[in-house]
Amino acid sequence: MRAVVQRVSEASVAVDGQVVGAIGRGFLVLLGVTHSDGEAEAASLARKIAGLRIFEDAAGKFNLALADVGGAVLVVSQFTLYGDARKGRRPSFTDAARPEQAEPLCDYFVARLAGEGVTVQTGRFGAMMAVHLINDGPVTLWLDTAVSGER
């Protein structure tokens, strides 16, 4: 699994002009699934994100996690995170999992994140979504569950 985690002061996602998920302070997580992913990767990534310490303490150091600041997470599925544009000008998405594999894993990831005590909102899987956010920092991390050297 692959996640782009953006620290935000607020974020929302709309489908057909209707807001389907919104948070205040916390993380916007863009989530991608590849063929080799399973529940173990989803659970590991959920634990990692729930405990990620990228909020500043009183000394200005990254020492605080979501629970410490009362933060929430907005999860938006994004198969394009597995796009490969090394050849040509149009990306290939063959590394992205098919929807029948990806959607249940996204749902499992959200459930595991909630199980870590995190308030979670989501977009709508497979829909064309408008994502609005205010980056805080900006602070953006790319997390990948693949073992180093694997794709």
N, C-alpha and C. Protein backbone atom coordinates (compact mmCIF):
# COMPACT_ATOMS: atom_id res chain seq x y z
N MET A 1 0.85 -1.17 0.00
CA MET A 1 0.00 0.00 0.00
C MET A 1 0.89 1.23 0.00
N ARG A 2 0.33 2.26 -0.53
CA ARG A 2 1.06 3.51 -0.62
C ARG A 2 0.13 4.61 -0.12
N ALA A 3 0.70 5.53 0.67
CA ALA A 3 -0.09 6.64 1.19
C ALA A 3 0.70 7.93 1.11
N VAL A 4 0.03 8.96 0.66
CA VAL A 4 0.57 10.31 0.77
C VAL A 4 -0.20 10.94 1.93
N VAL A 5 0.56 11.33 2.95
CA VAL A 5 -0.03 11.89 4.17
C VAL A 5 0.28 13.38 4.20
N GLN A 6 -0.76 14.19 4.21
CA GLN A 6 -0.59 15.63 4.29
C GLN A 6 -1.18 16.11 5.61
N ARG A 7 -0.37 16.83 6.38
CA ARG A 7 -0.88 17.43 7.60
C ARG A 7 -1.72 18.63 7.19
N VAL A 8 -2.94 18.69 7.71
CA VAL A 8 -3.87 19.74 7.29
C VAL A 8 -4.49 20.44 8.49
N SER A 9 -4.90 21.68 8.28
CA SER A 9 -5.70 22.35 9.30
C SER A 9 -7.18 22.09 9.04
N GLU A 10 -7.51 21.72 7.78
CA GLU A 10 -8.85 21.24 7.44
C GLU A 10 -8.80 20.61 6.05
N ALA A 11 -9.75 19.71 5.80
CA ALA A 11 -9.84 19.07 4.49
C ALA A 11 -11.26 18.53 4.31
N SER A 12 -11.67 18.48 3.04
CA SER A 12 -12.98 17.91 2.73
C SER A 12 -12.92 17.29 1.34
N VAL A 13 -13.88 16.42 1.08
CA VAL A 13 -14.00 15.80 -0.24
C VAL A 13 -15.47 15.82 -0.63
N ALA A 14 -15.71 16.19 -1.89
CA ALA A 14 -17.08 16.28 -2.40
C ALA A 14 -17.23 15.39 -3.63
N VAL A 15 -18.43 14.84 -3.78
CA VAL A 15 -18.81 14.06 -4.96
C VAL A 15 -20.08 14.71 -5.50
N ASP A 16 -20.05 15.06 -6.77
CA ASP A 16 -21.20 15.72 -7.41
C ASP A 16 -21.66 16.95 -6.62
N GLY A 17 -20.69 17.71 -6.11
CA GLY A 17 -21.00 18.94 -5.40
C GLY A 17 -21.45 18.77 -3.96
N GLN A 18 -21.56 17.53 -3.49
CA GLN A 18 -21.99 17.26 -2.11
C GLN A 18 -20.79 16.78 -1.28
N VAL A 19 -20.56 17.43 -0.15
CA VAL A 19 -19.47 17.00 0.73
C VAL A 19 -19.81 15.64 1.32
N VAL A 20 -18.90 14.68 1.14
CA VAL A 20 -19.11 13.33 1.68
C VAL A 20 -18.19 13.03 2.86
N GLY A 21 -17.17 13.86 3.06
CA GLY A 21 -16.27 13.70 4.19
C GLY A 21 -15.55 15.00 4.47
N ALA A 22 -15.37 15.32 5.75
CA ALA A 22 -14.69 16.56 6.12
C ALA A 22 -14.08 16.42 7.51
N ILE A 23 -12.91 17.03 7.69
CA ILE A 23 -12.24 17.04 8.99
C ILE A 23 -11.67 18.42 9.25
N GLY A 24 -11.34 18.66 10.51
CA GLY A 24 -10.57 19.83 10.89
C GLY A 24 -9.10 19.43 10.89
N ARG A 25 -8.42 19.73 11.96
CA ARG A 25 -6.99 19.43 12.08
C ARG A 25 -6.74 17.94 11.99
N GLY A 26 -5.70 17.56 11.25
CA GLY A 26 -5.35 16.15 11.13
C GLY A 26 -4.59 15.85 9.87
N PHE A 27 -4.92 14.71 9.26
CA PHE A 27 -4.23 14.25 8.05
C PHE A 27 -5.22 14.02 6.92
N LEU A 28 -4.83 14.43 5.73
CA LEU A 28 -5.47 13.95 4.51
C LEU A 28 -4.59 12.82 4.03
N VAL A 29 -5.17 11.63 3.86
CA VAL A 29 -4.42 10.47 3.41
C VAL A 29 -4.94 10.05 2.05
N LEU A 30 -4.09 10.17 1.03
CA LEU A 30 -4.38 9.63 -0.29
C LEU A 30 -3.84 8.21 -0.28
N LEU A 31 -4.70 7.22 -0.58
CA LEU A 31 -4.37 5.82 -0.37
C LEU A 31 -4.43 5.03 -1.67
N GLY A 32 -3.34 4.33 -1.98
CA GLY A 32 -3.29 3.47 -3.16
C GLY A 32 -3.01 2.04 -2.78
N VAL A 33 -3.55 1.11 -3.57
CA VAL A 33 -3.40 -0.33 -3.32
C VAL A 33 -2.79 -0.97 -4.55
N THR A 34 -1.83 -1.88 -4.33
CA THR A 34 -1.24 -2.64 -5.43
C THR A 34 -1.59 -4.12 -5.25
N HIS A 35 -1.24 -4.93 -6.26
CA HIS A 35 -1.66 -6.33 -6.33
C HIS A 35 -1.23 -7.19 -5.15
N SER A 36 -0.05 -6.93 -4.61
CA SER A 36 0.49 -7.78 -3.54
C SER A 36 -0.01 -7.38 -2.16
N ASP A 37 -0.82 -6.35 -2.06
CA ASP A 37 -1.30 -5.87 -0.76
C ASP A 37 -2.40 -6.77 -0.20
N GLY A 38 -2.41 -6.84 1.12
CA GLY A 38 -3.43 -7.59 1.83
C GLY A 38 -3.73 -6.91 3.16
N GLU A 39 -4.44 -7.63 4.01
CA GLU A 39 -4.84 -7.05 5.30
C GLU A 39 -3.64 -6.71 6.18
N ALA A 40 -2.56 -7.49 6.08
CA ALA A 40 -1.38 -7.20 6.91
C ALA A 40 -0.80 -5.83 6.57
N GLU A 41 -0.73 -5.51 5.28
CA GLU A 41 -0.20 -4.21 4.87
C GLU A 41 -1.13 -3.09 5.31
N ALA A 42 -2.44 -3.31 5.18
CA ALA A 42 -3.41 -2.29 5.58
C ALA A 42 -3.34 -2.02 7.09
N ALA A 43 -3.23 -3.08 7.88
CA ALA A 43 -3.15 -2.93 9.33
C ALA A 43 -1.87 -2.22 9.75
N SER A 44 -0.76 -2.60 9.12
CA SER A 44 0.52 -1.98 9.43
C SER A 44 0.51 -0.49 9.10
N LEU A 45 -0.02 -0.15 7.94
CA LEU A 45 -0.08 1.25 7.54
C LEU A 45 -1.01 2.05 8.45
N ALA A 46 -2.12 1.47 8.86
CA ALA A 46 -3.04 2.15 9.78
C ALA A 46 -2.35 2.44 11.11
N ARG A 47 -1.63 1.45 11.64
CA ARG A 47 -0.89 1.67 12.91
C ARG A 47 0.15 2.78 12.75
N LYS A 48 0.86 2.74 11.63
CA LYS A 48 1.91 3.74 11.38
C LYS A 48 1.32 5.15 11.34
N ILE A 49 0.23 5.31 10.60
CA ILE A 49 -0.37 6.64 10.46
C ILE A 49 -0.98 7.11 11.77
N ALA A 50 -1.64 6.23 12.50
CA ALA A 50 -2.24 6.61 13.78
C ALA A 50 -1.18 7.11 14.76
N GLY A 51 0.01 6.55 14.71
CA GLY A 51 1.06 6.92 15.64
C GLY A 51 2.07 7.92 15.12
N LEU A 52 1.88 8.35 13.89
CA LEU A 52 2.83 9.26 13.25
C LEU A 52 2.93 10.57 14.02
N ARG A 53 4.12 10.93 14.43
CA ARG A 53 4.33 12.13 15.24
C ARG A 53 4.85 13.26 14.34
N ILE A 54 3.92 13.99 13.74
CA ILE A 54 4.32 15.09 12.86
C ILE A 54 3.61 16.41 13.21
N PHE A 55 3.17 16.50 14.46
CA PHE A 55 2.66 17.76 14.99
C PHE A 55 3.67 18.28 15.99
N GLU A 56 3.86 19.60 16.03
CA GLU A 56 4.87 20.19 16.91
C GLU A 56 4.40 20.25 18.36
N ASP A 57 5.35 20.01 19.25
CA ASP A 57 5.12 20.22 20.68
C ASP A 57 5.44 21.68 21.00
N ALA A 58 5.45 22.03 22.28
CA ALA A 58 5.71 23.41 22.70
C ALA A 58 7.10 23.89 22.29
N ALA A 59 8.02 22.95 22.09
CA ALA A 59 9.38 23.32 21.69
C ALA A 59 9.54 23.36 20.17
N GLY A 60 8.46 23.10 19.44
CA GLY A 60 8.53 23.14 17.98
C GLY A 60 9.05 21.87 17.35
N LYS A 61 9.15 20.79 18.12
CA LYS A 61 9.64 19.50 17.61
C LYS A 61 8.47 18.61 17.21
N PHE A 62 8.68 17.79 16.20
CA PHE A 62 7.66 16.81 15.77
C PHE A 62 7.59 15.70 16.82
N ASN A 63 6.76 15.88 17.83
CA ASN A 63 6.64 14.91 18.90
C ASN A 63 5.20 14.48 19.17
N LEU A 64 4.23 15.11 18.51
CA LEU A 64 2.83 14.84 18.82
C LEU A 64 2.14 14.09 17.69
N ALA A 65 1.28 13.15 18.08
CA ALA A 65 0.50 12.35 17.14
C ALA A 65 -0.95 12.87 17.09
N LEU A 66 -1.75 12.25 16.25
CA LEU A 66 -3.16 12.63 16.11
C LEU A 66 -3.88 12.68 17.45
N ALA A 67 -3.71 11.65 18.26
CA ALA A 67 -4.40 11.58 19.55
C ALA A 67 -4.00 12.73 20.46
N ASP A 68 -2.76 13.17 20.36
CA ASP A 68 -2.26 14.25 21.22
C ASP A 68 -2.88 15.60 20.88
N VAL A 69 -3.30 15.76 19.62
CA VAL A 69 -3.83 17.06 19.19
C VAL A 69 -5.33 17.00 18.88
N GLY A 70 -5.96 15.86 19.14
CA GLY A 70 -7.38 15.71 18.83
C GLY A 70 -7.65 15.72 17.34
N GLY A 71 -6.70 15.19 16.56
CA GLY A 71 -6.81 15.21 15.10
C GLY A 71 -7.64 14.08 14.53
N ALA A 72 -8.03 14.23 13.28
CA ALA A 72 -8.80 13.24 12.55
C ALA A 72 -8.11 12.96 11.22
N VAL A 73 -8.63 11.98 10.48
CA VAL A 73 -8.06 11.61 9.18
C VAL A 73 -9.16 11.57 8.14
N LEU A 74 -8.87 12.14 6.98
CA LEU A 74 -9.73 12.03 5.81
C LEU A 74 -9.00 11.13 4.82
N VAL A 75 -9.58 9.97 4.52
CA VAL A 75 -8.96 8.99 3.62
C VAL A 75 -9.63 9.07 2.25
N VAL A 76 -8.81 9.25 1.21
CA VAL A 76 -9.30 9.31 -0.16
C VAL A 76 -8.55 8.26 -0.97
N SER A 77 -9.28 7.29 -1.53
CA SER A 77 -8.64 6.26 -2.34
C SER A 77 -8.12 6.90 -3.63
N GLN A 78 -6.92 6.47 -4.05
CA GLN A 78 -6.30 7.09 -5.22
C GLN A 78 -5.40 6.09 -5.93
N PHE A 79 -5.98 5.40 -6.93
CA PHE A 79 -5.22 4.39 -7.67
C PHE A 79 -4.06 5.00 -8.43
N THR A 80 -4.12 6.31 -8.72
CA THR A 80 -3.05 6.93 -9.50
C THR A 80 -1.72 7.00 -8.75
N LEU A 81 -1.72 6.70 -7.46
CA LEU A 81 -0.45 6.64 -6.72
C LEU A 81 0.45 5.53 -7.26
N TYR A 82 -0.14 4.57 -7.95
CA TYR A 82 0.64 3.50 -8.57
C TYR A 82 0.83 3.72 -10.06
N GLY A 83 0.66 4.96 -10.51
CA GLY A 83 0.93 5.29 -11.91
C GLY A 83 2.42 5.26 -12.18
N ASP A 84 2.79 4.78 -13.36
CA ASP A 84 4.19 4.70 -13.76
C ASP A 84 4.36 5.49 -15.05
N ALA A 85 5.07 6.61 -14.96
CA ALA A 85 5.27 7.48 -16.12
C ALA A 85 6.72 7.48 -16.59
N ARG A 86 7.45 6.40 -16.29
CA ARG A 86 8.85 6.35 -16.71
C ARG A 86 9.00 6.26 -18.22
N LYS A 87 8.05 5.63 -18.88
CA LYS A 87 8.11 5.50 -20.34
C LYS A 87 6.97 6.31 -20.95
N GLY A 88 7.28 7.07 -21.96
CA GLY A 88 6.25 7.83 -22.65
C GLY A 88 5.70 8.97 -21.82
N ARG A 89 4.56 9.48 -22.26
CA ARG A 89 3.96 10.63 -21.58
C ARG A 89 2.63 10.31 -20.93
N ARG A 90 2.13 9.11 -21.17
CA ARG A 90 0.87 8.71 -20.54
C ARG A 90 1.19 7.62 -19.53
N PRO A 91 0.82 7.82 -18.26
CA PRO A 91 1.18 6.83 -17.24
C PRO A 91 0.44 5.51 -17.43
N SER A 92 1.12 4.46 -17.01
CA SER A 92 0.52 3.13 -16.95
C SER A 92 0.05 2.90 -15.52
N PHE A 93 -1.10 2.26 -15.38
CA PHE A 93 -1.63 1.99 -14.04
C PHE A 93 -1.72 0.50 -13.76
N THR A 94 -0.86 -0.29 -14.42
CA THR A 94 -0.92 -1.75 -14.25
C THR A 94 -0.51 -2.18 -12.85
N ASP A 95 0.22 -1.35 -12.12
CA ASP A 95 0.60 -1.70 -10.74
C ASP A 95 -0.51 -1.45 -9.73
N ALA A 96 -1.55 -0.73 -10.14
CA ALA A 96 -2.68 -0.47 -9.24
C ALA A 96 -3.58 -1.70 -9.20
N ALA A 97 -4.05 -2.03 -8.00
CA ALA A 97 -4.95 -3.18 -7.85
C ALA A 97 -6.29 -2.87 -8.49
N ARG A 98 -6.95 -3.92 -8.97
CA ARG A 98 -8.30 -3.78 -9.54
C ARG A 98 -9.27 -3.37 -8.42
N PRO A 99 -10.35 -2.69 -8.77
CA PRO A 99 -11.30 -2.23 -7.75
C PRO A 99 -11.82 -3.33 -6.83
N GLU A 100 -12.04 -4.53 -7.35
CA GLU A 100 -12.57 -5.61 -6.51
C GLU A 100 -11.59 -6.04 -5.42
N GLN A 101 -10.29 -5.77 -5.60
CA GLN A 101 -9.30 -6.02 -4.55
C GLN A 101 -9.09 -4.75 -3.71
N ALA A 102 -9.01 -3.62 -4.38
CA ALA A 102 -8.64 -2.37 -3.71
C ALA A 102 -9.72 -1.86 -2.76
N GLU A 103 -10.97 -1.91 -3.18
CA GLU A 103 -12.03 -1.34 -2.33
C GLU A 103 -12.14 -2.02 -0.97
N PRO A 104 -12.17 -3.37 -0.91
CA PRO A 104 -12.23 -3.99 0.42
C PRO A 104 -11.00 -3.67 1.28
N LEU A 105 -9.83 -3.53 0.65
CA LEU A 105 -8.63 -3.21 1.43
C LEU A 105 -8.67 -1.76 1.93
N CYS A 106 -9.20 -0.86 1.13
CA CYS A 106 -9.38 0.52 1.60
C CYS A 106 -10.33 0.55 2.78
N ASP A 107 -11.43 -0.20 2.68
CA ASP A 107 -12.40 -0.27 3.78
C ASP A 107 -11.76 -0.87 5.03
N TYR A 108 -10.95 -1.91 4.84
CA TYR A 108 -10.27 -2.55 5.97
C TYR A 108 -9.29 -1.57 6.62
N PHE A 109 -8.54 -0.83 5.79
CA PHE A 109 -7.61 0.18 6.29
C PHE A 109 -8.35 1.21 7.15
N VAL A 110 -9.49 1.70 6.67
CA VAL A 110 -10.28 2.69 7.41
C VAL A 110 -10.75 2.10 8.73
N ALA A 111 -11.21 0.85 8.71
CA ALA A 111 -11.67 0.20 9.94
C ALA A 111 -10.53 0.04 10.93
N ARG A 112 -9.36 -0.33 10.45
CA ARG A 112 -8.20 -0.49 11.34
C ARG A 112 -7.76 0.85 11.92
N LEU A 113 -7.81 1.90 11.11
CA LEU A 113 -7.46 3.23 11.58
C LEU A 113 -8.44 3.66 12.67
N ALA A 114 -9.72 3.43 12.45
CA ALA A 114 -10.73 3.73 13.47
C ALA A 114 -10.49 2.89 14.73
N GLY A 115 -10.06 1.65 14.54
CA GLY A 115 -9.75 0.76 15.65
C GLY A 115 -8.56 1.24 16.48
N GLU A 116 -7.74 2.09 15.90
CA GLU A 116 -6.61 2.70 16.61
C GLU A 116 -7.06 3.93 17.40
N GLY A 117 -8.37 4.21 17.37
CA GLY A 117 -8.90 5.34 18.12
C GLY A 117 -8.94 6.64 17.35
N VAL A 118 -8.76 6.56 16.03
CA VAL A 118 -8.73 7.75 15.19
C VAL A 118 -10.11 8.02 14.61
N THR A 119 -10.55 9.27 14.62
CA THR A 119 -11.77 9.67 13.92
C THR A 119 -11.45 9.71 12.43
N VAL A 120 -12.25 8.99 11.63
CA VAL A 120 -11.96 8.86 10.20
C VAL A 120 -13.17 9.26 9.37
N GLN A 121 -12.92 10.03 8.34
CA GLN A 121 -13.89 10.35 7.30
C GLN A 121 -13.31 9.83 5.99
N THR A 122 -14.16 9.62 4.99
CA THR A 122 -13.67 9.08 3.72
C THR A 122 -14.32 9.79 2.54
N GLY A 123 -13.66 9.59 1.40
CA GLY A 123 -14.27 9.95 0.13
C GLY A 123 -15.15 8.78 -0.30
N ARG A 124 -15.46 8.71 -1.58
CA ARG A 124 -16.27 7.61 -2.10
C ARG A 124 -15.44 6.86 -3.13
N PHE A 125 -15.20 5.59 -2.87
CA PHE A 125 -14.34 4.77 -3.73
C PHE A 125 -14.85 4.79 -5.17
N GLY A 126 -13.93 5.04 -6.10
CA GLY A 126 -14.23 4.99 -7.53
C GLY A 126 -14.93 6.21 -8.09
N ALA A 127 -15.30 7.16 -7.24
CA ALA A 127 -16.01 8.35 -7.71
C ALA A 127 -15.02 9.43 -8.13
N MET A 128 -15.48 10.33 -8.98
CA MET A 128 -14.71 11.52 -9.29
C MET A 128 -14.92 12.46 -8.11
N MET A 129 -13.83 12.81 -7.44
CA MET A 129 -13.93 13.56 -6.19
C MET A 129 -13.21 14.90 -6.31
N ALA A 130 -13.74 15.91 -5.66
CA ALA A 130 -13.09 17.20 -5.52
C ALA A 130 -12.57 17.27 -4.09
N VAL A 131 -11.27 17.35 -3.95
CA VAL A 131 -10.64 17.37 -2.62
C VAL A 131 -10.17 18.79 -2.33
N HIS A 132 -10.58 19.30 -1.18
CA HIS A 132 -10.18 20.64 -0.75
C HIS A 132 -9.39 20.47 0.55
N LEU A 133 -8.26 21.19 0.63
CA LEU A 133 -7.46 21.09 1.85
C LEU A 133 -6.69 22.36 2.08
N ILE A 134 -6.37 22.56 3.33
CA ILE A 134 -5.43 23.60 3.71
C ILE A 134 -4.26 22.89 4.36
N ASN A 135 -3.13 22.86 3.64
CA ASN A 135 -1.93 22.24 4.18
C ASN A 135 -1.48 23.00 5.41
N ASP A 136 -0.98 22.27 6.37
CA ASP A 136 -0.46 22.85 7.60
C ASP A 136 1.04 22.62 7.60
N GLY A 137 1.79 23.64 7.29
CA GLY A 137 3.24 23.53 7.26
C GLY A 137 3.86 24.12 6.00
N PRO A 138 3.73 23.48 4.88
CA PRO A 138 3.15 22.16 4.63
C PRO A 138 4.06 21.03 5.11
N VAL A 139 3.41 19.97 5.55
CA VAL A 139 4.09 18.75 5.93
C VAL A 139 3.45 17.62 5.13
N THR A 140 4.24 16.96 4.29
CA THR A 140 3.74 15.89 3.44
C THR A 140 4.73 14.73 3.46
N LEU A 141 4.22 13.52 3.71
CA LEU A 141 5.05 12.32 3.72
C LEU A 141 4.49 11.28 2.76
N TRP A 142 5.38 10.50 2.18
CA TRP A 142 5.00 9.38 1.33
C TRP A 142 5.37 8.12 2.09
N LEU A 143 4.38 7.26 2.37
CA LEU A 143 4.60 6.01 3.08
C LEU A 143 4.29 4.86 2.14
N ASP A 144 5.12 3.83 2.19
CA ASP A 144 4.94 2.68 1.31
C ASP A 144 5.22 1.43 2.11
N THR A 145 4.32 0.44 2.02
CA THR A 145 4.51 -0.80 2.78
C THR A 145 5.42 -1.79 2.06
N ALA A 146 5.79 -1.52 0.80
CA ALA A 146 6.65 -2.42 0.06
C ALA A 146 8.03 -2.45 0.71
N VAL A 147 8.62 -3.64 0.70
CA VAL A 147 9.98 -3.80 1.20
C VAL A 147 10.92 -3.04 0.28
N SER A 148 11.92 -2.39 0.84
CA SER A 148 12.87 -1.63 0.04
C SER A 148 13.38 -2.47 -1.12
N GLY A 149 13.37 -1.89 -2.30
CA GLY A 149 13.83 -2.60 -3.50
C GLY A 149 12.70 -3.24 -4.27
N GLU A 150 11.54 -3.45 -3.64
CA GLU A 150 10.38 -3.99 -4.33
C GLU A 150 9.60 -2.85 -4.95
N ARG A 151 8.73 -3.18 -5.89
CA ARG A 151 7.83 -2.18 -6.44
C ARG A 151 6.46 -2.47 -6.02
